[in-house]
Protein backbone atom coordinates (compact mmCIF):
# COMPACT_ATOMS: atom_id res chain seq x y z
CA MET A 1 -100.32 -76.13 -116.33
CA THR A 2 -97.89 -74.18 -118.49
CA SER A 3 -99.34 -72.88 -121.76
CA VAL A 4 -97.63 -73.27 -125.15
CA ALA A 5 -97.00 -69.53 -125.33
CA GLU A 6 -95.31 -69.52 -121.92
CA ARG A 7 -93.08 -72.46 -122.90
CA VAL A 8 -92.00 -70.71 -126.12
CA LEU A 9 -91.28 -67.34 -124.58
CA SER A 10 -87.93 -66.93 -122.86
CA PRO A 11 -87.83 -65.42 -119.35
CA LEU A 12 -86.63 -62.12 -120.85
CA ASP A 13 -89.47 -61.95 -123.39
CA ARG A 14 -92.21 -63.11 -121.01
CA PRO A 15 -94.10 -60.13 -119.51
CA SER A 16 -93.63 -59.70 -115.80
CA ALA A 17 -96.47 -59.29 -113.32
CA ALA A 18 -95.83 -55.54 -113.32
CA ASP A 19 -95.94 -55.46 -117.13
CA ARG A 20 -99.20 -57.41 -117.18
CA SER A 21 -100.63 -55.01 -114.65
CA ASP A 22 -99.36 -51.91 -116.51
CA MET A 23 -100.48 -53.04 -119.94
CA PHE A 24 -104.16 -53.00 -118.94
CA ARG A 25 -104.10 -49.41 -117.72
CA PRO A 26 -103.82 -47.54 -121.03
CA ARG A 27 -106.51 -49.69 -122.69
CA ALA A 28 -108.92 -49.98 -119.76
CA LEU A 29 -110.98 -46.86 -120.42
CA PRO A 30 -111.34 -47.16 -124.24
CA ALA A 31 -112.11 -50.89 -124.08
CA THR A 32 -114.60 -50.38 -121.28
CA VAL A 33 -116.36 -47.56 -123.11
CA VAL A 34 -116.56 -49.50 -126.36
CA GLY A 35 -117.77 -52.63 -124.53
CA LEU A 36 -120.52 -50.68 -122.77
CA LEU A 37 -121.59 -49.12 -126.04
CA ALA A 38 -121.78 -52.60 -127.58
CA LEU A 39 -124.00 -53.79 -124.70
CA VAL A 40 -126.24 -50.75 -124.94
CA THR A 41 -126.51 -51.21 -128.69
CA ALA A 42 -127.39 -54.89 -128.27
CA ALA A 43 -130.12 -54.01 -125.75
CA ILE A 44 -131.56 -51.38 -128.08
CA ALA A 45 -131.47 -53.88 -130.95
CA VAL A 46 -133.46 -56.39 -128.89
CA VAL A 47 -136.08 -53.78 -128.02
CA THR A 48 -136.40 -52.13 -131.44
CA ASP A 49 -135.66 -55.15 -133.63
CA GLN A 50 -133.64 -52.95 -135.99
CA GLY A 51 -131.11 -54.80 -138.14
CA TRP A 52 -128.72 -51.90 -138.56
CA ILE A 53 -128.45 -51.50 -134.78
CA VAL A 54 -127.49 -55.16 -134.54
CA GLY A 55 -124.75 -54.51 -137.11
CA LEU A 56 -123.53 -51.49 -135.17
CA GLY A 57 -123.36 -53.57 -132.02
CA ALA A 58 -121.32 -56.20 -133.81
CA VAL A 59 -118.88 -53.57 -135.08
CA LEU A 60 -118.46 -52.16 -131.56
CA ALA A 61 -117.87 -55.66 -130.22
CA VAL A 62 -115.15 -56.24 -132.80
CA ILE A 63 -113.52 -52.93 -131.89
CA CYS A 64 -113.58 -53.93 -128.22
CA VAL A 65 -111.90 -57.24 -129.03
CA VAL A 66 -109.21 -55.46 -131.10
CA LEU A 67 -108.51 -53.08 -128.24
CA VAL A 68 -108.21 -55.96 -125.82
CA LEU A 69 -105.93 -58.06 -128.03
CA GLU A 70 -103.75 -55.48 -129.83
CA TRP A 71 -103.08 -52.75 -127.33
CA PRO A 72 -101.22 -54.89 -124.76
CA GLN A 73 -98.74 -56.13 -127.36
CA ARG A 74 -98.13 -52.65 -128.72
CA TYR A 75 -97.73 -51.27 -125.24
CA LEU A 76 -95.18 -53.94 -124.31
CA GLU A 77 -93.25 -53.35 -127.53
CA GLY A 78 -93.20 -49.63 -126.80
CA ARG A 79 -91.87 -50.27 -123.31
CA LYS A 80 -89.13 -52.50 -124.66
CA ARG A 81 -88.08 -49.92 -127.24
CA GLN A 82 -88.06 -47.21 -124.59
CA ALA A 83 -85.96 -49.36 -122.27
CA ALA A 84 -83.51 -50.16 -125.09
CA LEU A 85 -83.17 -46.49 -126.00
CA GLN A 86 -82.64 -45.55 -122.36
CA THR A 87 -79.94 -48.22 -122.01
CA GLU A 88 -78.19 -47.01 -125.15
CA ALA A 89 -78.37 -43.38 -124.00
CA THR A 90 -76.88 -44.33 -120.64
CA HIS A 91 -74.09 -46.30 -122.34
CA LEU A 92 -73.27 -43.37 -124.67
CA ALA A 93 -73.25 -40.95 -121.74
CA GLN A 94 -70.81 -43.19 -119.86
CA GLU A 95 -68.55 -43.47 -122.90
CA ASN A 96 -68.64 -39.69 -123.33
CA ASP A 97 -67.69 -39.15 -119.68
CA LEU A 98 -64.78 -41.58 -120.04
CA ALA A 99 -63.60 -39.86 -123.23
CA LEU A 100 -63.74 -36.45 -121.54
CA ALA A 101 -61.80 -37.76 -118.56
CA ARG A 102 -59.12 -39.29 -120.81
CA ALA A 103 -58.87 -36.06 -122.81
CA ALA A 104 -58.49 -34.03 -119.61
CA ARG A 105 -55.72 -36.32 -118.36
CA PHE A 106 -53.93 -36.12 -121.71
CA GLU A 107 -54.14 -32.32 -121.76
CA ALA A 108 -52.86 -32.10 -118.19
CA GLU A 109 -49.96 -34.40 -119.11
CA ALA A 110 -49.18 -32.22 -122.15
CA ILE A 111 -49.12 -29.05 -120.05
CA ARG A 112 -46.89 -30.69 -117.45
CA ALA A 113 -44.50 -32.08 -120.07
CA ARG A 114 -44.25 -28.71 -121.78
CA ALA A 115 -43.46 -26.95 -118.50
CA ASP A 116 -40.77 -29.53 -117.71
CA LEU A 117 -39.21 -29.08 -121.14
CA ALA A 118 -39.24 -25.30 -120.78
CA GLU A 119 -37.56 -25.47 -117.39
CA ALA A 120 -34.92 -27.86 -118.71
CA MET A 121 -34.16 -25.63 -121.70
CA ARG A 122 -33.91 -22.52 -119.57
CA SER A 123 -31.61 -24.32 -117.15
CA GLU A 124 -29.37 -25.35 -120.01
CA GLN A 125 -29.37 -21.78 -121.31
CA LEU A 126 -28.47 -20.47 -117.87
CA VAL A 127 -25.30 -22.52 -117.51
CA GLY A 128 -24.39 -23.15 -121.10
CA GLY A 129 -25.97 -26.59 -121.30
CA ASN A 130 -25.32 -27.95 -117.79
CA GLU A 131 -28.67 -28.20 -116.01
CA ALA A 132 -27.22 -30.04 -113.02
CA ASP A 133 -24.88 -27.13 -112.24
CA ALA A 134 -27.82 -24.73 -112.44
CA ARG A 135 -29.79 -26.71 -109.91
CA ALA A 136 -26.71 -27.12 -107.71
CA ALA A 137 -26.29 -23.35 -107.74
CA GLY A 138 -29.84 -23.01 -106.46
CA ALA A 139 -31.34 -21.70 -109.68
CA VAL A 140 -35.13 -21.71 -109.57
CA ILE A 141 -36.73 -21.19 -112.98
CA HIS A 142 -40.44 -20.66 -113.56
CA LEU A 143 -42.22 -20.78 -116.90
CA ASP A 144 -44.45 -17.82 -116.03
CA ALA A 145 -41.52 -15.59 -115.08
CA ALA A 146 -40.96 -12.47 -117.18
CA PRO A 147 -38.84 -13.54 -120.17
CA ALA A 148 -35.44 -12.03 -120.74
CA PRO A 149 -34.78 -10.47 -124.17
CA SER A 150 -32.71 -13.51 -125.10
CA ASP A 151 -35.15 -16.05 -123.65
CA VAL A 152 -34.86 -19.23 -125.67
CA ILE A 153 -38.40 -20.28 -124.72
CA VAL A 154 -40.60 -17.25 -125.36
CA ASP A 155 -40.88 -14.82 -128.25
CA ALA A 156 -40.45 -11.45 -126.56
CA GLU A 157 -42.63 -9.52 -129.01
CA THR A 158 -45.77 -11.69 -128.84
CA GLY A 159 -45.52 -13.73 -125.65
CA LEU A 160 -45.87 -16.90 -127.72
CA PHE A 161 -43.30 -19.67 -127.62
CA SER A 162 -40.19 -19.52 -129.76
CA GLN A 163 -39.46 -21.66 -132.81
CA VAL A 164 -36.68 -23.49 -130.96
CA PHE A 165 -39.04 -24.49 -128.18
CA PHE A 166 -41.81 -25.45 -130.63
CA GLU A 167 -39.52 -27.79 -132.54
CA ALA A 168 -38.26 -29.45 -129.35
CA SER A 169 -41.79 -29.76 -127.98
CA LEU A 170 -43.20 -31.19 -131.23
CA VAL A 171 -40.74 -34.08 -131.20
CA LYS A 172 -41.73 -35.01 -127.65
CA ARG A 173 -45.47 -34.61 -128.24
CA ILE A 174 -45.38 -36.86 -131.30
CA SER A 175 -43.67 -39.53 -129.19
CA ALA A 176 -46.38 -39.14 -126.53
CA ALA A 177 -49.12 -39.30 -129.17
CA ARG A 178 -47.58 -42.47 -130.59
CA ARG A 179 -47.50 -44.10 -127.14
CA GLY A 180 -51.05 -43.02 -126.33
CA LEU A 181 -52.46 -43.77 -129.81
CA ARG A 182 -53.76 -40.21 -130.08
CA PRO A 183 -53.82 -37.75 -132.98
CA LEU A 184 -52.33 -34.30 -133.11
CA SER A 185 -52.30 -31.53 -135.71
CA VAL A 186 -49.59 -29.12 -136.84
CA GLY A 187 -50.32 -25.81 -138.53
CA VAL A 188 -48.16 -23.10 -140.07
CA ALA A 189 -49.97 -19.76 -140.36
CA ASP A 190 -49.33 -16.36 -141.86
CA VAL A 191 -51.34 -13.20 -141.14
CA VAL A 192 -51.01 -10.28 -143.57
CA LEU A 193 -52.47 -6.87 -144.26
CA ASP A 194 -53.67 -5.33 -147.54
CA VAL A 195 -53.93 -8.61 -149.43
CA SER A 196 -56.29 -6.95 -151.92
CA ASN A 197 -53.75 -4.20 -152.62
CA PRO A 198 -50.39 -5.89 -153.32
CA PRO A 199 -47.81 -6.07 -152.12
CA ALA A 200 -49.27 -7.51 -148.91
CA HIS A 201 -47.14 -7.21 -145.80
CA SER A 202 -47.05 -9.03 -142.48
CA ALA A 203 -49.51 -7.86 -139.85
CA PRO A 204 -48.23 -6.53 -136.50
CA ALA A 205 -47.37 -9.58 -134.45
CA ARG A 206 -48.51 -8.57 -130.96
CA PRO A 207 -52.27 -8.19 -131.69
CA VAL A 208 -52.28 -11.46 -133.63
CA GLY A 209 -50.49 -13.23 -130.78
CA GLU A 210 -53.01 -11.91 -128.25
CA VAL A 211 -55.92 -13.26 -130.32
CA MET A 212 -54.23 -16.65 -130.61
CA LEU A 213 -53.65 -16.88 -126.88
CA ARG A 214 -57.38 -16.33 -126.32
CA VAL A 215 -58.52 -18.83 -128.95
CA PHE A 216 -56.37 -21.90 -128.33
CA ARG A 217 -56.39 -24.20 -125.31
CA GLU A 218 -53.75 -24.10 -122.62
CA ALA A 219 -52.56 -27.55 -123.71
CA ASP A 220 -51.90 -26.36 -127.28
CA THR A 221 -48.48 -24.96 -128.16
CA ILE A 222 -48.47 -21.75 -130.20
CA ALA A 223 -45.16 -20.25 -131.33
CA ARG A 224 -43.75 -17.60 -133.62
CA SER A 225 -41.12 -18.69 -136.08
CA ASP A 226 -37.92 -16.83 -136.86
CA ASP A 227 -39.39 -15.65 -140.19
CA GLY A 228 -42.52 -14.19 -138.55
CA ARG A 229 -44.98 -16.99 -139.20
CA TYR A 230 -47.00 -18.77 -136.54
CA LEU A 231 -46.52 -22.42 -135.57
CA ILE A 232 -49.49 -24.28 -134.09
CA LEU A 233 -49.51 -27.63 -132.28
CA LEU A 234 -53.00 -28.88 -131.39
CA GLU A 235 -52.91 -31.66 -128.81
CA ASP A 236 -55.21 -34.68 -129.17
CA THR A 237 -56.83 -33.16 -132.27
CA PRO A 238 -57.61 -34.95 -135.57
CA GLU A 239 -58.08 -33.19 -138.89
CA ASN A 240 -61.74 -32.24 -138.52
CA GLY A 241 -61.21 -30.84 -135.02
CA ALA A 242 -58.17 -28.87 -136.21
CA ILE A 243 -60.12 -27.32 -139.09
CA TRP A 244 -62.91 -26.32 -136.70
CA THR A 245 -60.40 -24.75 -134.30
CA LEU A 246 -58.61 -22.85 -137.05
CA GLU A 247 -61.92 -21.64 -138.42
CA ARG A 248 -62.67 -20.25 -134.96
CA LEU A 249 -59.32 -18.44 -135.10
CA ARG A 250 -60.16 -17.08 -138.55
CA ARG A 251 -63.48 -15.68 -137.35
CA ARG A 252 -61.93 -14.14 -134.25
CA ILE A 253 -59.24 -12.38 -136.30
CA ALA A 254 -61.88 -11.14 -138.76
CA GLU A 255 -63.92 -9.72 -135.87
CA GLU A 256 -61.12 -8.16 -133.84
CA LEU A 257 -58.56 -7.29 -136.53
CA PRO A 258 -60.36 -5.98 -139.63
CA GLY A 259 -58.31 -5.97 -142.81
CA HIS A 260 -56.22 -8.96 -141.75
CA THR A 261 -56.02 -12.10 -143.88
CA LEU A 262 -55.22 -15.50 -142.37
CA TRP A 263 -53.57 -18.27 -144.37
CA VAL A 264 -52.96 -21.62 -142.69
CA GLY A 265 -51.37 -24.85 -143.86
CA LEU A 266 -52.32 -27.97 -141.88
CA SER A 267 -50.97 -31.49 -141.45
CA CYS A 268 -51.99 -34.18 -138.97
CA TYR A 269 -50.43 -37.14 -137.19
CA PRO A 270 -50.83 -39.98 -138.09
CA ALA A 271 -53.04 -39.26 -141.12
CA TYR A 272 -50.37 -37.45 -143.17
CA GLY A 273 -47.06 -37.75 -141.37
CA PHE A 274 -45.20 -39.62 -138.66
CA ASP A 275 -42.41 -37.30 -137.48
CA ALA A 276 -41.90 -33.65 -136.64
CA GLU A 277 -39.93 -32.70 -139.73
CA GLN A 278 -42.42 -34.36 -142.05
CA LEU A 279 -45.47 -32.74 -140.44
CA THR A 280 -43.92 -29.27 -140.36
CA SER A 281 -42.77 -29.52 -143.98
CA GLN A 282 -46.20 -30.68 -145.13
CA ALA A 283 -47.92 -27.84 -143.26
CA ALA A 284 -45.50 -25.29 -144.77
CA ASP A 285 -46.22 -26.60 -148.28
CA ALA A 286 -49.96 -26.41 -147.61
CA LEU A 287 -49.48 -22.80 -146.47
CA GLU A 288 -47.94 -21.94 -149.84
CA ALA A 289 -51.06 -23.36 -151.50
CA ALA A 290 -53.26 -21.27 -149.18
CA ARG A 291 -51.32 -18.12 -150.08
CA GLU A 292 -52.53 -18.42 -153.67
CA TRP A 293 -55.97 -17.28 -152.51
CA GLN A 294 -56.75 -13.58 -152.11
CA GLN A 295 -58.78 -14.30 -148.98
CA ASP A 296 -58.69 -16.27 -145.76
CA ARG A 297 -57.78 -19.87 -146.48
CA ILE A 298 -57.16 -23.05 -144.47
CA GLU A 299 -55.39 -25.62 -146.65
CA VAL A 300 -54.89 -29.24 -145.60
CA THR A 301 -51.92 -31.14 -146.98
CA THR A 302 -52.53 -33.86 -149.55
CA ALA A 303 -49.16 -35.51 -148.98
CA ASN A 304 -48.80 -39.25 -148.54
CA PRO A 305 -47.63 -40.15 -145.02
CA ASP A 306 -45.25 -42.75 -146.47
CA SER A 307 -43.52 -40.25 -148.74
């Protein structure tokens, strides 16, 4: 006949045969020891007729009952909590793996799109804007080929991308971020020497460019502008991730290039801006605010994205 407790408990809450078997194991030894002590105490009380021994036996009996009644419930509750935590940990691990896989696909797509854009721009440069004629003539153009002095893609002095390529790439990457509902960050940086002894002057570009190439990911686009500043496009990166990445750049420059000061202005899509011109302008304004400090400074724009 089914008991009231079994009728009330749902199948999920009702302990299984394995649970009922397991729940007696952790309490078996203590309950057995206490029960034996209670029996021994009762026998001694009968023989000696001592009242306090009778009381001690009663206390031990109560303890035995508590162990029998309370420990199984606590044990089952502990098992349920452990199972819930394990399920949650597994779920979080699966979500993390999916997020990493999506990020890897997005970065690979960014690298591929950038290479396609570079090849298209070089083809247009080769034939004065007619890529089809370049391909018909058998022109084969590789991004990793040694750049010509007039290469429209690469800055010859640093090996970074050029401003023209950065601007063209930024427009396309914002469109991709909009389609994929992903963030990206745009930075404008300046690296100077002797900031504590004005007038400060721009640091040599090649060592700075080499540090940047080591710090940033392959999917990120790093360029040098026509006025000697550095343009940074961080793929799939919100504000907090961009600040962390730029801080890593700051520390690397401080370690490898003593006496250099890094100022960076930062803006992010879609938090502060929605198009390339807006993001770049906001980052440039934030850079001017960073330049007011006589030390390394990363300044985030405070502009309204609707402005």
